[in-house]
Amino acid sequence: MTERHFKDQDILDRAEAISIDYLKSMYKLGVTITKKEMMPKMAMSWVTVYGYVKGHKEQTFSVSINYETNQKESFMYSQQLKKVLQAEGRLQ
């Protein structure tokens, strides 16, 4: 494995950890991560993390993390997850 591969894997792992922490702290969700995708570096400094709420595969989401600032850029979710978050008053 190359040094670049290790660096990219570190970025992906860090983005996953940030996403899990964000969803747990903001929405009190336990999640399962299914995919991590790094955008081409010349386009954006983002990793998008995909997954679902544990025990509810229909409640899917994606979180985009800026790996230069380690900040969440966007949070998208399925209608099923939106309904749950709204019903429990966790979505503003």
C-alpha atoms as a PDB file:
ATOM      1  CA  MET A   1       0.000   0.000   0.000  1.00  0.00           C
ATOM      2  CA  THR A   2       1.183   3.476  -0.785  1.00  0.00           C
ATOM      3  CA  GLU A   3       1.496   6.420   1.579  1.00  0.00           C
ATOM      4  CA  ARG A   4      -1.316   8.116  -0.345  1.00  0.00           C
ATOM      5  CA  HIS A   5      -3.581   5.115   0.234  1.00  0.00           C
ATOM      6  CA  PHE A   6      -2.929   5.316   3.984  1.00  0.00           C
ATOM      7  CA  LYS A   7      -3.644   9.059   3.980  1.00  0.00           C
ATOM      8  CA  ASP A   8      -6.893   8.597   2.052  1.00  0.00           C
ATOM      9  CA  GLN A   9      -7.942   5.774   4.390  1.00  0.00           C
ATOM     10  CA  ASP A  10      -7.226   8.034   7.389  1.00  0.00           C
ATOM     11  CA  ILE A  11      -9.420  10.745   5.834  1.00  0.00           C
ATOM     12  CA  LEU A  12     -12.241   8.235   5.225  1.00  0.00           C
ATOM     13  CA  ASP A  13     -11.984   6.826   8.758  1.00  0.00           C
ATOM     14  CA  ARG A  14     -11.963  10.296  10.324  1.00  0.00           C
ATOM     15  CA  ALA A  15     -15.010  11.368   8.269  1.00  0.00           C
ATOM     16  CA  GLU A  16     -16.844   8.232   9.399  1.00  0.00           C
ATOM     17  CA  ALA A  17     -16.074   8.960  13.062  1.00  0.00           C
ATOM     18  CA  ILE A  18     -17.169  12.599  12.708  1.00  0.00           C
ATOM     19  CA  SER A  19     -20.430  11.512  11.019  1.00  0.00           C
ATOM     20  CA  ILE A  20     -21.223   8.956  13.723  1.00  0.00           C
ATOM     21  CA  ASP A  21     -20.508  11.498  16.465  1.00  0.00           C
ATOM     22  CA  TYR A  22     -22.627  14.165  14.712  1.00  0.00           C
ATOM     23  CA  LEU A  23     -25.628  11.863  14.337  1.00  0.00           C
ATOM     24  CA  LYS A  24     -25.329  10.636  17.918  1.00  0.00           C
ATOM     25  CA  SER A  25     -24.905  14.069  19.507  1.00  0.00           C
ATOM     26  CA  MET A  26     -27.416  16.001  17.345  1.00  0.00           C
ATOM     27  CA  TYR A  27     -30.113  13.380  16.778  1.00  0.00           C
ATOM     28  CA  LYS A  28     -29.377  10.632  19.336  1.00  0.00           C
ATOM     29  CA  LEU A  29     -29.050   8.050  16.556  1.00  0.00           C
ATOM     30  CA  GLY A  30     -27.089   4.821  16.564  1.00  0.00           C
ATOM     31  CA  VAL A  31     -26.109   4.150  12.978  1.00  0.00           C
ATOM     32  CA  THR A  32     -24.575   1.587  10.664  1.00  0.00           C
ATOM     33  CA  ILE A  33     -22.219   2.938   7.990  1.00  0.00           C
ATOM     34  CA  THR A  34     -22.583   1.247   4.607  1.00  0.00           C
ATOM     35  CA  LYS A  35     -20.318   3.306   2.314  1.00  0.00           C
ATOM     36  CA  LYS A  36     -17.755   6.124   2.323  1.00  0.00           C
ATOM     37  CA  GLU A  37     -16.986   8.084  -0.813  1.00  0.00           C
ATOM     38  CA  MET A  38     -14.284  10.710  -1.282  1.00  0.00           C
ATOM     39  CA  MET A  39     -14.954  13.416  -3.834  1.00  0.00           C
ATOM     40  CA  PRO A  40     -12.159  14.129  -6.331  1.00  0.00           C
ATOM     41  CA  LYS A  41      -9.705  16.387  -4.519  1.00  0.00           C
ATOM     42  CA  MET A  42      -9.708  18.950  -7.322  1.00  0.00           C
ATOM     43  CA  ALA A  43     -13.487  19.327  -7.015  1.00  0.00           C
ATOM     44  CA  MET A  44     -14.170  19.407  -3.253  1.00  0.00           C
ATOM     45  CA  SER A  45     -12.544  18.434   0.018  1.00  0.00           C
ATOM     46  CA  TRP A  46     -15.493  16.237   1.009  1.00  0.00           C
ATOM     47  CA  VAL A  47     -16.154  12.701   2.071  1.00  0.00           C
ATOM     48  CA  THR A  48     -19.761  11.526   1.951  1.00  0.00           C
ATOM     49  CA  VAL A  49     -20.693   8.866   4.475  1.00  0.00           C
ATOM     50  CA  TYR A  50     -23.798   6.735   3.829  1.00  0.00           C
ATOM     51  CA  GLY A  51     -25.708   4.497   6.181  1.00  0.00           C
ATOM     52  CA  TYR A  52     -28.894   3.765   8.076  1.00  0.00           C
ATOM     53  CA  VAL A  53     -30.251   3.837  11.608  1.00  0.00           C
ATOM     54  CA  LYS A  54     -29.424   0.602  13.446  1.00  0.00           C
ATOM     55  CA  GLY A  55     -32.356  -1.788  13.198  1.00  0.00           C
ATOM     56  CA  HIS A  56     -34.127   0.377  10.582  1.00  0.00           C
ATOM     57  CA  LYS A  57     -32.584  -0.138   7.143  1.00  0.00           C
ATOM     58  CA  GLU A  58     -35.280   2.053   5.553  1.00  0.00           C
ATOM     59  CA  GLN A  59     -34.114   5.084   7.615  1.00  0.00           C
ATOM     60  CA  THR A  60     -31.159   6.019   5.425  1.00  0.00           C
ATOM     61  CA  PHE A  61     -28.927   9.082   5.430  1.00  0.00           C
ATOM     62  CA  SER A  62     -25.799  10.636   4.030  1.00  0.00           C
ATOM     63  CA  VAL A  63     -23.489  13.093   5.763  1.00  0.00           C
ATOM     64  CA  SER A  64     -20.871  15.094   3.884  1.00  0.00           C
ATOM     65  CA  ILE A  65     -17.765  16.040   5.853  1.00  0.00           C
ATOM     66  CA  ASN A  66     -15.172  18.603   4.800  1.00  0.00           C
ATOM     67  CA  TYR A  67     -11.972  16.709   5.591  1.00  0.00           C
ATOM     68  CA  GLU A  68      -9.876  19.892   5.663  1.00  0.00           C
ATOM     69  CA  THR A  69     -11.969  21.496   8.421  1.00  0.00           C
ATOM     70  CA  ASN A  70     -13.473  18.277   9.888  1.00  0.00           C
ATOM     71  CA  GLN A  71     -16.896  19.941   9.771  1.00  0.00           C
ATOM     72  CA  LYS A  72     -20.259  18.646   8.551  1.00  0.00           C
ATOM     73  CA  GLU A  73     -21.227  20.249   5.247  1.00  0.00           C
ATOM     74  CA  SER A  74     -24.583  18.572   4.660  1.00  0.00           C
ATOM     75  CA  PHE A  75     -26.977  16.014   6.120  1.00  0.00           C
ATOM     76  CA  MET A  76     -29.513  14.336   3.864  1.00  0.00           C
ATOM     77  CA  TYR A  77     -32.036  11.708   4.947  1.00  0.00           C
ATOM     78  CA  SER A  78     -34.838   9.517   3.684  1.00  0.00           C
ATOM     79  CA  GLN A  79     -38.509  10.356   4.177  1.00  0.00           C
ATOM     80  CA  GLN A  80     -38.714   7.482   6.682  1.00  0.00           C
ATOM     81  CA  LEU A  81     -35.965   8.976   8.847  1.00  0.00           C
ATOM     82  CA  LYS A  82     -37.444  12.466   8.483  1.00  0.00           C
ATOM     83  CA  LYS A  83     -40.811  11.246   9.816  1.00  0.00           C
ATOM     84  CA  VAL A  84     -39.176   9.646  12.875  1.00  0.00           C
ATOM     85  CA  LEU A  85     -37.040  12.705  13.655  1.00  0.00           C
ATOM     86  CA  GLN A  86     -40.039  15.029  13.271  1.00  0.00           C
ATOM     87  CA  ALA A  87     -42.328  12.828  15.370  1.00  0.00           C
ATOM     88  CA  GLU A  88     -39.756  12.754  18.171  1.00  0.00           C
ATOM     89  CA  GLY A  89     -39.103  16.510  17.945  1.00  0.00           C
ATOM     90  CA  ARG A  90     -35.462  16.054  16.963  1.00  0.00           C
ATOM     91  CA  LEU A  91     -35.688  17.874  13.633  1.00  0.00           C
ATOM     92  CA  GLN A  92     -35.909  21.650  13.515  1.00  0.00           C
END
